[in-house]
Amino acid sequence: MKKLPLLLIFSALTLSSQAQYRSEVWCPDQGDGTYINPIINADYSDPDVCVGASGTDFYLTASSFNCIPGLPILHSKDLVNWEIIGHALTELTPKEVFDKTAHGMGVWAPSIRYHNGEYYIYWGDPDYGVYMVKTKDPAGKWDDPVLVIAGEGMIDTTPLWDDDGRCYLVNGWAGSRAGFKSILSVRELSPDGTRAISDPVIVFDGNNEHRTVEGPKFYKHGGWYWIMAPAGGVPTGWQLAMRSKSPYGPYEHKIVLAQGKTNINGPHQGGWVHTAQGEDWFLHFQDKGAYGRVVHLQPVNWVKGWPVMGKAKNGELCGEPVTRYKKPNVGKTYPIQNPVESDEFNSVTLGKQWQWHSNYDQRYGQPTPYGFFRMYTHKLSDKFVNLWEAPNLLLQKTPADSFTATAKIKFAAKKENQYGGIIMMGLDYSALVVKRVGDKFQLQQITCQKADKNKSETVKVIAELNPTDKDKINYEPAIYEEIYLRLTVKEGGILTFAYSRDGKKFKAAGDEFKMREGKWIGSKFGFLAEEPAGKGVTGFMDIDWIRVTK
């Protein structure tokens, strides 16, 4: 493990927020005044965006479901180059639900808005109600969540502060909880946005013609109230624009974005922004199966009073998604900046790309000032079937259709059957781990198909490894395995593993694996450290680094 002087580490901490990161595997900025879609080739599902206080900063958030920290905050100066600057949510409630895995629950389709000197995020938790958090600094600490409306079924919420200070909220409905869907409702909130002061009014019924209408975003522009909402289903749908002279309707509507003859399926659900230079843009997601829902950027042009998204023929009101297009005019050119993927673990705070599969517990692991992150083995339940129950998975989103992630770890096993390594996690998963068996380690590939259906794992033993070190004391001694583990993803979501003892020569390990999405999220990769249920001291895994390359 690398040992870094403390002064150097804390200097790196100070500079880290200013450092520019260019991904080796996906960079939308082409360096010639154009960009390619997706602008973020990672699972930022249901993205929403707002213009900040300066008028020249853009902030994006997205669904985070049960993953913590939640409500990621990304910042851009030009709508093409994005950086993860923080999270608005450190814990989900109720704790008894989210302190363990609750796949697909939690934060659904948030909206982010700037109003009267503060930034607000609203979201619907389909099981508990409508929540709100706010802050004066989107890169800083956000206030604790406020339960604005208690109840089941409300999702995809967006506030609108009108010119007279009144506040309205639009929302969709989850059929699995409410018993009905394809409905959009509007109600009035208190001017501070903390509670409902009227009952909901149905403003749009999408059943039949626009089935599965959801994800509404609320705006006021040109004297009209606008609701932008997707319909037709996640992988196959289209984008609607609706307008009315009253927040309560009636609304007339048109389809303003659809797949057409492109290969960009289901182009919908996102956020519309108006720049200081007078341009309009729309950010939305595209569902890419195992890779999740990635973010695209479309130009918006006003035709006959309607916001036509993407590229359309003269006079047409429905555009098609662009693949390559000129970058937004934001007054100047900004440096390339992509969301960080690689991590040297040289900071005393965890990198912003990482999330746990539940509320964080300090026993899952902690950063150190010594150039590594320490994960502790988590005791699985007596009824363990597969890792769908494991809350301590440390994961990040896939950053591209094809990439390689190589990690250096040192695993310390204090008891039989403790194991740790790297994993690609979804409804199906596969992991490459070192596991203590007797006084040695086994290198194993652990795979599970239909983990969410309680199916059992299969284990393939790849090699027997002698420990690279042993404790020389008798007090809770450990044996150690220092090893390099690698996963490689090829286009189409095909994954293979490899390992190395010296970090130079890698050997293929195990069988090819077909990635699969998680519950409402894309497949995610990262680290695991586990052990069977029982008493006694835990093992641990020191993660030296992980590097994402072509």
Protein backbone atom coordinates (compact mmCIF):
# COMPACT_ATOMS: atom_id res chain seq x y z
CA MET A 1 0.00 0.00 0.00
CA LYS A 2 1.20 3.47 -0.78
CA LYS A 3 2.09 5.69 2.17
CA LEU A 4 1.67 9.39 1.52
CA PRO A 5 2.82 12.28 3.70
CA LEU A 6 -0.12 13.88 5.49
CA LEU A 7 0.74 17.34 4.15
CA LEU A 8 0.66 16.00 0.60
CA ILE A 9 -2.67 14.28 1.21
CA PHE A 10 -4.41 17.34 2.61
CA SER A 11 -2.94 19.49 -0.15
CA ALA A 12 -4.45 17.03 -2.62
CA LEU A 13 -7.76 17.38 -0.79
CA THR A 14 -7.69 21.13 -1.25
CA LEU A 15 -6.89 20.86 -4.94
CA SER A 16 -9.19 17.95 -5.74
CA SER A 17 -12.28 20.12 -6.18
CA GLN A 18 -10.37 22.23 -8.73
CA ALA A 19 -8.81 19.37 -10.66
CA GLN A 20 -10.05 18.60 -14.15
CA TYR A 21 -10.81 14.97 -14.91
CA ARG A 22 -10.97 13.68 -18.45
CA SER A 23 -12.34 10.18 -18.80
CA GLU A 24 -10.40 7.70 -20.91
CA VAL A 25 -13.60 5.85 -21.82
CA TRP A 26 -16.22 8.53 -22.59
CA CYS A 27 -15.85 12.23 -23.33
CA PRO A 28 -18.74 14.01 -25.11
CA ASP A 29 -16.85 17.24 -25.84
CA GLN A 30 -15.19 16.72 -29.22
CA GLY A 31 -12.88 19.73 -28.85
CA ASP A 32 -14.06 21.29 -32.12
CA GLY A 33 -17.15 23.13 -30.91
CA THR A 34 -19.37 20.04 -31.11
CA TYR A 35 -20.51 17.35 -28.68
CA ILE A 36 -21.77 13.80 -29.04
CA ASN A 37 -24.58 12.14 -27.10
CA PRO A 38 -24.84 10.90 -24.49
CA ILE A 39 -23.28 13.81 -22.63
CA ILE A 40 -23.16 11.59 -19.53
CA ASN A 41 -22.85 7.93 -20.49
CA ALA A 42 -23.84 6.74 -17.03
CA ASP A 43 -27.03 5.92 -15.16
CA TYR A 44 -28.40 9.32 -14.13
CA SER A 45 -32.01 8.24 -14.38
CA ASP A 46 -34.81 10.83 -14.62
CA PRO A 47 -32.41 13.81 -14.81
CA ASP A 48 -33.52 17.33 -14.02
CA VAL A 49 -31.56 20.55 -14.38
CA CYS A 50 -31.80 24.19 -13.35
CA VAL A 51 -29.89 27.41 -13.92
CA GLY A 52 -28.13 28.66 -10.80
CA ALA A 53 -28.05 32.06 -9.12
CA SER A 54 -25.33 33.37 -11.44
CA GLY A 55 -27.31 32.58 -14.56
CA THR A 56 -24.24 30.81 -15.95
CA ASP A 57 -24.04 27.69 -13.75
CA PHE A 58 -26.13 24.59 -14.37
CA TYR A 59 -27.00 21.99 -11.73
CA LEU A 60 -28.32 18.49 -12.39
CA THR A 61 -29.79 15.85 -10.12
CA ALA A 62 -31.27 12.41 -10.79
CA SER A 63 -33.07 9.46 -9.23
CA SER A 64 -30.99 7.58 -6.67
CA PHE A 65 -33.61 5.13 -5.32
CA ASN A 66 -32.14 3.17 -2.37
CA CYS A 67 -28.49 4.13 -3.02
CA ILE A 68 -26.72 6.39 -0.49
CA PRO A 69 -25.54 9.08 -0.58
CA GLY A 70 -28.53 10.00 -2.69
CA LEU A 71 -29.64 12.84 -4.92
CA PRO A 72 -26.34 13.35 -6.78
CA ILE A 73 -25.51 16.96 -7.63
CA LEU A 74 -23.61 17.60 -10.86
CA HIS A 75 -22.38 20.99 -12.06
CA SER A 76 -21.62 22.33 -15.53
CA LYS A 77 -20.82 25.66 -17.14
CA ASP A 78 -21.77 24.60 -20.68
CA LEU A 79 -24.28 21.69 -20.38
CA VAL A 80 -21.74 19.30 -21.96
CA ASN A 81 -18.92 19.02 -19.41
CA TRP A 82 -20.19 17.79 -16.03
CA GLU A 83 -18.62 17.21 -12.61
CA ILE A 84 -20.08 15.44 -9.57
CA ILE A 85 -19.89 18.05 -6.79
CA GLY A 86 -21.86 16.35 -4.03
CA HIS A 87 -25.10 14.79 -2.87
CA ALA A 88 -28.17 16.36 -1.30
CA LEU A 89 -29.20 13.33 0.77
CA THR A 90 -27.08 11.45 3.29
CA GLU A 91 -29.75 9.15 4.71
CA LEU A 92 -33.16 7.76 3.79
CA THR A 93 -36.06 7.45 6.20
CA PRO A 94 -37.59 5.50 7.81
CA LYS A 95 -34.29 4.09 9.01
CA GLU A 96 -35.71 0.66 9.81
CA VAL A 97 -36.49 0.29 6.10
CA PHE A 98 -33.41 1.84 4.52
CA ASP A 99 -30.73 0.69 6.97
CA LYS A 100 -30.95 -2.56 5.01
CA THR A 101 -31.33 -3.13 1.28
CA ALA A 102 -34.59 -1.80 -0.17
CA HIS A 103 -33.98 -2.19 -3.89
CA GLY A 104 -35.93 0.23 -6.09
CA MET A 105 -37.44 2.14 -3.18
CA GLY A 106 -36.55 5.65 -2.00
CA VAL A 107 -35.88 8.59 -4.33
CA TRP A 108 -37.92 8.61 -7.55
CA ALA A 109 -37.55 11.28 -10.27
CA PRO A 110 -36.49 14.43 -8.40
CA SER A 111 -36.70 18.02 -9.62
CA ILE A 112 -34.20 20.79 -8.84
CA ARG A 113 -35.11 24.47 -8.78
CA TYR A 114 -33.56 27.80 -7.79
CA HIS A 115 -35.95 30.21 -6.03
CA ASN A 116 -35.43 33.33 -3.94
CA GLY A 117 -31.78 32.67 -3.10
CA GLU A 118 -32.11 28.94 -2.38
CA TYR A 119 -31.93 25.66 -4.28
CA TYR A 120 -34.74 23.16 -3.80
CA ILE A 121 -35.07 19.49 -4.67
CA TYR A 122 -38.45 17.74 -4.52
CA TRP A 123 -39.00 14.03 -5.02
CA GLY A 124 -41.70 11.47 -4.51
CA ASP A 125 -41.09 8.38 -2.43
CA PRO A 126 -43.94 6.15 -3.65
CA ASP A 127 -44.29 4.51 -0.24
CA TYR A 128 -44.08 7.51 2.08
CA GLY A 129 -44.84 10.77 0.28
CA VAL A 130 -43.40 13.94 -1.21
CA TYR A 131 -40.12 15.20 0.26
CA MET A 132 -38.10 18.39 -0.13
CA VAL A 133 -34.55 19.47 0.71
CA LYS A 134 -33.00 22.90 0.20
CA THR A 135 -29.71 24.79 0.50
CA LYS A 136 -28.03 28.06 -0.39
CA ASP A 137 -24.98 26.22 -1.74
CA PRO A 138 -25.64 23.21 -4.00
CA ALA A 139 -22.06 22.00 -3.53
CA GLY A 140 -22.40 22.19 0.26
CA LYS A 141 -24.65 20.72 2.91
CA TRP A 142 -28.36 20.43 2.23
CA ASP A 143 -30.99 20.74 4.96
CA ASP A 144 -32.67 17.66 6.38
CA PRO A 145 -35.61 16.42 4.30
CA VAL A 146 -39.08 17.88 4.92
CA LEU A 147 -42.10 15.63 4.38
CA VAL A 148 -44.30 17.98 2.36
CA ILE A 149 -47.18 15.57 1.70
CA ALA A 150 -47.53 12.19 3.40
CA GLY A 151 -49.09 9.32 1.48
CA GLU A 152 -48.59 6.54 -1.05
CA GLY A 153 -48.35 6.65 -4.81
CA MET A 154 -47.12 10.21 -5.44
CA ILE A 155 -44.03 10.32 -7.67
CA ASP A 156 -42.18 12.63 -10.08
CA THR A 157 -42.87 15.94 -8.31
CA THR A 158 -41.96 19.44 -9.50
CA PRO A 159 -42.73 22.81 -7.88
CA LEU A 160 -43.47 26.08 -9.68
CA TRP A 161 -43.28 29.45 -7.95
CA ASP A 162 -45.54 31.83 -9.82
CA ASP A 163 -44.97 35.55 -10.40
CA ASP A 164 -47.24 36.39 -7.44
CA GLY A 165 -45.28 34.16 -5.04
CA ARG A 166 -47.80 31.33 -4.99
CA CYS A 167 -46.37 27.82 -5.26
CA TYR A 168 -47.83 24.89 -7.19
CA LEU A 169 -46.77 21.25 -7.39
CA VAL A 170 -47.31 18.79 -10.24
CA ASN A 171 -46.90 15.05 -9.76
CA GLY A 172 -47.42 11.69 -11.42
CA TRP A 173 -48.76 8.51 -9.86
CA ALA A 174 -47.26 5.04 -9.34
CA GLY A 175 -49.85 2.46 -10.33
CA SER A 176 -48.19 -0.12 -8.07
CA ARG A 177 -49.06 2.01 -5.02
CA ALA A 178 -51.93 4.30 -6.02
CA GLY A 179 -53.88 1.78 -8.08
CA PHE A 180 -53.98 4.16 -11.06
CA LYS A 181 -51.39 5.76 -13.33
CA SER A 182 -51.02 7.84 -16.52
CA ILE A 183 -52.47 10.78 -14.58
CA LEU A 184 -50.87 14.16 -13.77
CA SER A 185 -52.14 16.24 -10.85
CA VAL A 186 -51.55 19.81 -9.67
CA ARG A 187 -52.12 21.27 -6.21
CA GLU A 188 -51.08 24.42 -4.39
CA LEU A 189 -48.37 24.46 -1.75
CA SER A 190 -47.68 27.08 0.88
CA PRO A 191 -45.47 29.89 -0.48
CA ASP A 192 -42.45 28.37 1.29
CA GLY A 193 -43.13 25.04 -0.42
CA THR A 194 -43.31 23.02 2.80
CA ARG A 195 -46.94 21.83 2.84
CA ALA A 196 -50.00 21.37 0.62
CA ILE A 197 -52.77 23.94 1.04
CA SER A 198 -55.18 22.53 -1.55
CA ASP A 199 -56.37 19.17 -2.81
CA PRO A 200 -55.00 17.78 -6.08
CA VAL A 201 -56.64 18.45 -9.45
CA ILE A 202 -56.24 16.09 -12.42
CA VAL A 203 -54.80 18.23 -15.23
CA PHE A 204 -53.92 15.50 -17.74
CA ASP A 205 -55.20 11.96 -18.41
CA GLY A 206 -52.79 10.06 -20.61
CA ASN A 207 -54.60 6.73 -20.61
CA ASN A 208 -54.83 5.17 -24.07
CA GLU A 209 -53.31 7.88 -26.32
CA HIS A 210 -50.43 8.77 -23.99
CA ARG A 211 -50.21 5.78 -21.68
CA THR A 212 -47.72 5.86 -18.84
CA VAL A 213 -47.49 9.63 -18.81
CA GLU A 214 -45.26 10.49 -15.83
CA GLY A 215 -42.16 12.51 -14.90
CA PRO A 216 -43.77 15.96 -15.30
CA LYS A 217 -41.70 19.14 -15.06
CA PHE A 218 -43.46 22.48 -14.38
CA TYR A 219 -42.47 25.83 -15.96
CA LYS A 220 -43.85 29.25 -16.81
CA HIS A 221 -42.74 30.84 -20.07
CA GLY A 222 -44.17 33.41 -22.42
CA GLY A 223 -47.31 33.86 -20.36
CA TRP A 224 -48.09 30.12 -20.48
CA TYR A 225 -47.90 27.43 -17.83
CA TRP A 226 -45.96 24.51 -19.28
CA ILE A 227 -45.79 20.86 -18.24
CA MET A 228 -43.13 18.77 -19.98
CA ALA A 229 -43.80 15.06 -19.50
CA PRO A 230 -42.78 11.73 -21.06
CA ALA A 231 -45.28 9.11 -22.15
CA GLY A 232 -45.35 5.73 -23.85
CA GLY A 233 -43.04 3.83 -21.51
CA VAL A 234 -39.36 4.05 -20.64
CA PRO A 235 -37.74 2.22 -23.59
CA THR A 236 -40.26 3.14 -26.28
CA GLY A 237 -41.88 6.47 -25.43
CA TRP A 238 -41.89 10.11 -26.47
CA GLN A 239 -41.85 13.60 -24.96
CA LEU A 240 -44.96 15.76 -24.54
CA ALA A 241 -45.23 19.51 -24.09
CA MET A 242 -48.46 20.86 -22.57
CA ARG A 243 -49.54 24.47 -22.14
CA SER A 244 -52.32 26.37 -20.43
CA LYS A 245 -53.14 29.88 -19.22
CA SER A 246 -53.88 28.45 -15.75
CA PRO A 247 -51.78 26.10 -13.61
CA TYR A 248 -54.91 23.94 -13.29
CA GLY A 249 -55.51 23.72 -17.04
CA PRO A 250 -57.10 22.77 -19.27
CA TYR A 251 -53.88 21.89 -21.12
CA GLU A 252 -53.41 21.44 -24.84
CA HIS A 253 -50.53 19.17 -25.77
CA LYS A 254 -48.25 18.06 -28.58
CA ILE A 255 -45.50 15.46 -29.04
CA VAL A 256 -42.27 17.46 -29.38
CA LEU A 257 -39.60 14.69 -29.34
CA ALA A 258 -39.68 11.05 -30.52
CA GLN A 259 -37.22 8.40 -31.65
CA GLY A 260 -38.20 8.60 -35.30
CA LYS A 261 -35.61 6.94 -37.51
CA THR A 262 -32.79 7.26 -34.97
CA ASN A 263 -31.38 4.55 -32.70
CA ILE A 264 -32.02 6.65 -29.58
CA ASN A 265 -34.96 4.85 -28.03
CA GLY A 266 -37.44 6.35 -25.59
CA PRO A 267 -36.04 9.91 -25.69
CA HIS A 268 -37.89 11.53 -22.83
CA GLN A 269 -38.08 12.58 -19.16
CA GLY A 270 -35.71 15.36 -18.34
CA GLY A 271 -35.28 19.07 -17.79
CA TRP A 272 -35.51 22.21 -19.92
CA VAL A 273 -33.19 25.20 -19.41
CA HIS A 274 -32.98 28.69 -20.90
CA THR A 275 -29.43 30.07 -21.05
CA ALA A 276 -28.21 33.62 -20.44
CA GLN A 277 -27.46 33.81 -24.18
CA GLY A 278 -31.10 33.10 -25.04
CA GLU A 279 -30.81 29.46 -26.11
CA ASP A 280 -33.08 26.63 -24.98
CA TRP A 281 -31.90 23.08 -24.30
CA PHE A 282 -33.46 19.86 -23.05
CA LEU A 283 -31.62 17.13 -21.11
CA HIS A 284 -33.25 13.70 -21.06
CA PHE A 285 -32.44 10.05 -20.57
CA GLN A 286 -32.20 7.08 -22.89
CA ASP A 287 -32.72 3.60 -21.45
CA LYS A 288 -29.73 1.36 -22.30
CA GLY A 289 -30.70 -1.78 -20.40
CA ALA A 290 -27.85 -3.06 -18.26
CA TYR A 291 -26.03 0.29 -18.53
CA GLY A 292 -29.01 2.16 -17.07
CA ARG A 293 -30.50 5.44 -18.25
CA VAL A 294 -27.90 7.75 -19.77
CA VAL A 295 -28.19 11.51 -20.33
CA HIS A 296 -28.62 13.21 -23.72
CA LEU A 297 -28.71 16.90 -24.65
CA GLN A 298 -31.11 18.24 -27.30
CA PRO A 299 -31.43 21.74 -28.79
CA VAL A 300 -34.87 23.32 -28.41
CA ASN A 301 -36.34 25.61 -31.06
CA TRP A 302 -39.66 27.38 -30.80
CA VAL A 303 -41.99 26.63 -33.72
CA LYS A 304 -45.51 28.10 -33.80
CA GLY A 305 -45.30 28.66 -30.06
CA TRP A 306 -44.15 25.10 -29.19
CA PRO A 307 -40.72 23.89 -27.95
CA VAL A 308 -39.52 21.47 -30.62
CA MET A 309 -36.71 19.27 -29.27
CA GLY A 310 -33.87 17.78 -31.28
CA LYS A 311 -33.78 18.14 -35.05
CA ALA A 312 -36.98 18.63 -37.05
CA LYS A 313 -37.91 19.43 -40.62
CA ASN A 314 -39.08 22.97 -41.27
CA GLY A 315 -42.45 23.60 -39.68
CA GLU A 316 -42.69 20.23 -37.93
CA LEU A 317 -43.50 20.23 -34.21
CA CYS A 318 -41.84 16.88 -33.33
CA GLY A 319 -38.08 16.55 -33.46
CA GLU A 320 -35.74 13.56 -33.48
CA PRO A 321 -32.73 13.19 -31.16
CA VAL A 322 -29.37 14.46 -32.36
CA THR A 323 -26.23 12.34 -32.11
CA ARG A 324 -23.68 15.10 -32.77
CA TYR A 325 -24.41 18.81 -32.54
CA LYS A 326 -22.81 22.18 -31.91
CA LYS A 327 -22.22 22.95 -28.25
CA PRO A 328 -24.43 25.48 -26.46
CA ASN A 329 -23.37 29.09 -26.75
CA VAL A 330 -22.55 30.05 -23.17
CA GLY A 331 -20.35 33.02 -23.93
CA LYS A 332 -16.99 31.27 -23.72
CA THR A 333 -15.27 27.89 -23.99
CA TYR A 334 -14.76 25.85 -20.83
CA PRO A 335 -12.26 23.04 -20.17
CA ILE A 336 -13.22 19.41 -20.60
CA GLN A 337 -14.55 17.89 -17.39
CA ASN A 338 -16.12 14.44 -16.95
CA PRO A 339 -17.54 12.67 -13.90
CA VAL A 340 -14.71 10.97 -12.00
CA GLU A 341 -14.46 7.16 -12.21
CA SER A 342 -10.94 6.17 -11.12
CA ASP A 343 -9.94 6.56 -7.47
CA GLU A 344 -6.57 6.42 -5.74
CA PHE A 345 -8.28 6.60 -2.31
CA ASN A 346 -5.82 9.29 -1.22
CA SER A 347 -8.50 11.41 0.46
CA VAL A 348 -10.01 11.22 3.93
CA THR A 349 -13.43 11.55 2.31
CA LEU A 350 -14.93 8.93 0.03
CA GLY A 351 -14.97 9.81 -3.67
CA LYS A 352 -18.25 11.29 -4.88
CA GLN A 353 -18.76 8.56 -7.48
CA TRP A 354 -19.33 5.93 -4.78
CA GLN A 355 -22.64 4.85 -3.24
CA TRP A 356 -23.66 2.17 -0.75
CA HIS A 357 -26.66 -0.08 -1.34
CA SER A 358 -28.34 1.17 1.86
CA ASN A 359 -27.96 3.87 4.48
CA TYR A 360 -24.29 4.06 5.40
CA ASP A 361 -23.09 2.25 8.52
CA GLN A 362 -19.59 3.13 9.75
CA ARG A 363 -18.94 -0.59 10.15
CA TYR A 364 -19.10 -0.99 6.37
CA GLY A 365 -15.81 0.83 5.95
CA GLN A 366 -13.93 4.10 6.41
CA PRO A 367 -11.35 6.17 4.53
CA THR A 368 -7.84 6.55 5.93
CA PRO A 369 -5.03 9.13 5.55
CA TYR A 370 -2.68 6.37 4.36
CA GLY A 371 -3.68 6.02 0.72
CA PHE A 372 -6.33 3.30 0.98
CA PHE A 373 -9.99 2.78 1.86
CA ARG A 374 -10.75 0.03 4.37
CA MET A 375 -13.87 -2.13 3.97
CA TYR A 376 -14.90 -4.53 6.71
CA THR A 377 -16.49 -7.88 6.07
CA HIS A 378 -20.24 -7.77 6.62
CA LYS A 379 -21.92 -10.68 8.37
CA LEU A 380 -24.59 -12.05 6.09
CA SER A 381 -27.86 -13.41 7.46
CA ASP A 382 -28.51 -16.93 8.72
CA LYS A 383 -30.87 -17.35 5.75
CA PHE A 384 -28.35 -16.09 3.19
CA VAL A 385 -29.10 -17.07 -0.41
CA ASN A 386 -27.34 -14.39 -2.43
CA LEU A 387 -25.92 -10.86 -2.25
CA TRP A 388 -29.27 -9.18 -2.98
CA GLU A 389 -29.39 -8.82 0.82
CA ALA A 390 -25.93 -7.21 1.15
CA PRO A 391 -26.19 -3.51 2.11
CA ASN A 392 -22.43 -2.85 2.22
CA LEU A 393 -21.65 -3.05 -1.50
CA LEU A 394 -19.52 -0.03 -2.48
CA LEU A 395 -20.47 0.68 -6.08
CA GLN A 396 -20.40 3.24 -8.88
CA LYS A 397 -22.19 3.60 -12.20
CA THR A 398 -20.80 2.15 -15.41
CA PRO A 399 -19.17 5.04 -17.37
CA ALA A 400 -19.26 3.72 -20.93
CA ASP A 401 -20.37 0.83 -23.13
CA SER A 402 -16.87 -0.66 -22.95
CA PHE A 403 -14.17 -0.12 -20.34
CA THR A 404 -11.70 -1.84 -18.02
CA ALA A 405 -11.53 -1.38 -14.25
CA THR A 406 -8.43 -2.62 -12.44
CA ALA A 407 -8.13 -2.58 -8.64
CA LYS A 408 -5.32 -3.31 -6.22
CA ILE A 409 -6.52 -4.75 -2.91
CA LYS A 410 -5.09 -6.37 0.18
CA PHE A 411 -7.55 -8.70 1.89
CA ALA A 412 -7.14 -9.66 5.54
CA ALA A 413 -9.02 -12.78 6.62
CA LYS A 414 -9.25 -13.47 10.33
CA LYS A 415 -11.71 -16.33 10.03
CA GLU A 416 -12.66 -19.11 7.65
CA ASN A 417 -14.83 -18.16 4.63
CA GLN A 418 -14.32 -14.40 4.82
CA TYR A 419 -14.02 -13.00 1.30
CA GLY A 420 -13.66 -9.80 -0.67
CA GLY A 421 -13.07 -8.50 -4.16
CA ILE A 422 -14.77 -6.79 -7.11
CA ILE A 423 -18.32 -7.18 -8.39
CA MET A 424 -20.69 -6.20 -11.20
CA MET A 425 -24.05 -5.97 -9.47
CA GLY A 426 -27.57 -6.11 -10.89
CA LEU A 427 -30.56 -8.43 -10.97
CA ASP A 428 -27.85 -10.86 -12.07
CA TYR A 429 -24.33 -10.41 -10.70
CA SER A 430 -20.84 -11.80 -10.87
CA ALA A 431 -17.88 -11.20 -8.55
CA LEU A 432 -14.20 -12.11 -8.48
CA VAL A 433 -13.11 -12.65 -4.87
CA VAL A 434 -10.40 -14.07 -2.68
CA LYS A 435 -11.84 -16.31 0.04
CA ARG A 436 -10.11 -17.87 3.01
CA VAL A 437 -10.24 -21.65 2.98
CA GLY A 438 -8.12 -23.15 5.74
CA ASP A 439 -4.78 -21.38 5.86
CA LYS A 440 -4.87 -20.39 2.20
CA PHE A 441 -7.07 -18.42 -0.17
CA GLN A 442 -9.16 -19.48 -3.08
CA LEU A 443 -9.72 -17.18 -6.03
CA GLN A 444 -13.40 -17.65 -6.87
CA GLN A 445 -15.95 -16.36 -9.36
CA ILE A 446 -19.32 -16.03 -7.65
CA THR A 447 -22.28 -15.66 -10.01
CA CYS A 448 -26.00 -15.41 -9.49
CA GLN A 449 -28.82 -15.30 -12.04
CA LYS A 450 -32.10 -13.71 -10.89
CA ALA A 451 -30.78 -12.58 -7.53
CA ASP A 452 -33.97 -10.59 -7.00
CA LYS A 453 -35.95 -13.86 -7.28
CA ASN A 454 -34.00 -15.43 -4.40
CA LYS A 455 -31.97 -17.74 -6.64
CA SER A 456 -28.78 -19.33 -5.31
CA GLU A 457 -25.22 -18.47 -6.27
CA THR A 458 -22.85 -20.66 -8.23
CA VAL A 459 -19.16 -20.70 -7.32
CA LYS A 460 -16.25 -21.50 -9.61
CA VAL A 461 -12.85 -22.03 -8.02
CA ILE A 462 -10.19 -20.54 -10.28
CA ALA A 463 -6.96 -20.89 -8.30
CA GLU A 464 -5.51 -21.67 -4.89
CA LEU A 465 -3.38 -18.84 -3.56
CA ASN A 466 -0.78 -18.88 -0.83
CA PRO A 467 -1.06 -15.86 1.52
CA THR A 468 1.22 -12.98 0.68
CA ASP A 469 1.61 -12.21 4.41
CA LYS A 470 0.62 -13.51 7.85
CA ASP A 471 0.34 -11.93 11.28
CA LYS A 472 3.10 -13.09 13.59
CA ILE A 473 1.14 -12.57 16.80
CA ASN A 474 -1.42 -14.91 18.32
CA TYR A 475 -4.06 -12.25 19.04
CA GLU A 476 -6.76 -12.56 16.34
CA PRO A 477 -4.16 -13.22 13.64
CA ALA A 478 -4.99 -12.67 9.99
CA ILE A 479 -3.64 -14.04 6.77
CA TYR A 480 -3.36 -11.60 3.87
CA GLU A 481 -3.71 -11.67 0.12
CA GLU A 482 -2.43 -8.75 -1.93
CA ILE A 483 -3.73 -9.05 -5.47
CA TYR A 484 -4.79 -7.12 -8.56
CA LEU A 485 -8.33 -7.79 -9.80
CA ARG A 486 -9.71 -6.64 -13.13
CA LEU A 487 -13.06 -6.57 -14.87
CA THR A 488 -13.49 -5.73 -18.54
CA VAL A 489 -16.79 -4.76 -20.15
CA LYS A 490 -17.29 -5.05 -23.88
CA GLU A 491 -20.07 -3.44 -25.89
CA GLY A 492 -23.31 -5.30 -25.31
CA GLY A 493 -22.63 -5.68 -21.60
CA ILE A 494 -20.32 -8.71 -21.83
CA LEU A 495 -18.01 -8.91 -18.81
CA THR A 496 -14.83 -10.89 -18.19
CA PHE A 497 -12.51 -11.05 -15.19
CA ALA A 498 -8.73 -11.31 -14.82
CA TYR A 499 -6.19 -11.26 -11.99
CA SER A 500 -2.51 -10.64 -11.41
CA ARG A 501 -0.01 -11.19 -8.61
CA ASP A 502 2.37 -8.44 -9.77
CA GLY A 503 0.09 -5.93 -11.54
CA LYS A 504 1.81 -6.56 -14.87
CA LYS A 505 0.86 -9.98 -16.16
CA PHE A 506 -2.88 -10.73 -15.95
CA LYS A 507 -4.55 -14.12 -16.31
CA ALA A 508 -8.15 -14.61 -17.43
CA ALA A 509 -10.39 -15.75 -14.60
CA GLY A 510 -13.72 -17.53 -14.75
CA ASP A 511 -16.53 -17.44 -17.26
CA GLU A 512 -17.95 -14.68 -19.42
CA PHE A 513 -20.90 -12.90 -17.79
CA LYS A 514 -23.79 -10.99 -19.36
CA MET A 515 -24.55 -7.84 -17.36
CA ARG A 516 -28.10 -7.09 -16.28
CA GLU A 517 -29.67 -3.94 -14.82
CA GLY A 518 -30.68 -3.65 -11.17
CA LYS A 519 -34.05 -2.61 -9.73
CA TRP A 520 -34.75 0.65 -11.62
CA ILE A 521 -30.98 1.28 -11.87
CA GLY A 522 -28.21 0.23 -14.21
CA SER A 523 -25.71 -2.46 -13.36
CA LYS A 524 -23.03 -1.06 -11.02
CA PHE A 525 -19.45 -2.13 -10.33
CA GLY A 526 -17.22 -1.86 -7.30
CA PHE A 527 -16.29 -3.74 -4.17
CA LEU A 528 -17.65 -6.28 -1.71
CA ALA A 529 -16.36 -7.71 1.58
CA GLU A 530 -18.52 -10.39 3.18
CA GLU A 531 -18.60 -13.34 5.56
CA PRO A 532 -21.13 -15.88 6.80
CA ALA A 533 -23.28 -15.09 9.82
CA GLY A 534 -21.60 -15.77 13.14
CA LYS A 535 -19.70 -14.28 16.02
CA GLY A 536 -16.16 -13.10 16.22
CA VAL A 537 -13.87 -10.53 14.69
CA THR A 538 -14.43 -9.35 11.14
CA GLY A 539 -11.94 -9.36 8.34
CA PHE A 540 -11.16 -6.36 6.18
CA MET A 541 -10.08 -5.31 2.73
CA ASP A 542 -7.79 -2.36 2.05
CA ILE A 543 -8.52 -0.91 -1.39
CA ASP A 544 -5.36 0.75 -2.67
CA TRP A 545 -6.79 2.05 -5.95
CA ILE A 546 -9.14 1.43 -8.86
CA ARG A 547 -8.36 2.74 -12.36
CA VAL A 548 -10.84 2.92 -15.20
CA THR A 549 -9.23 2.70 -18.63
CA LYS A 550 -10.03 1.70 -22.19
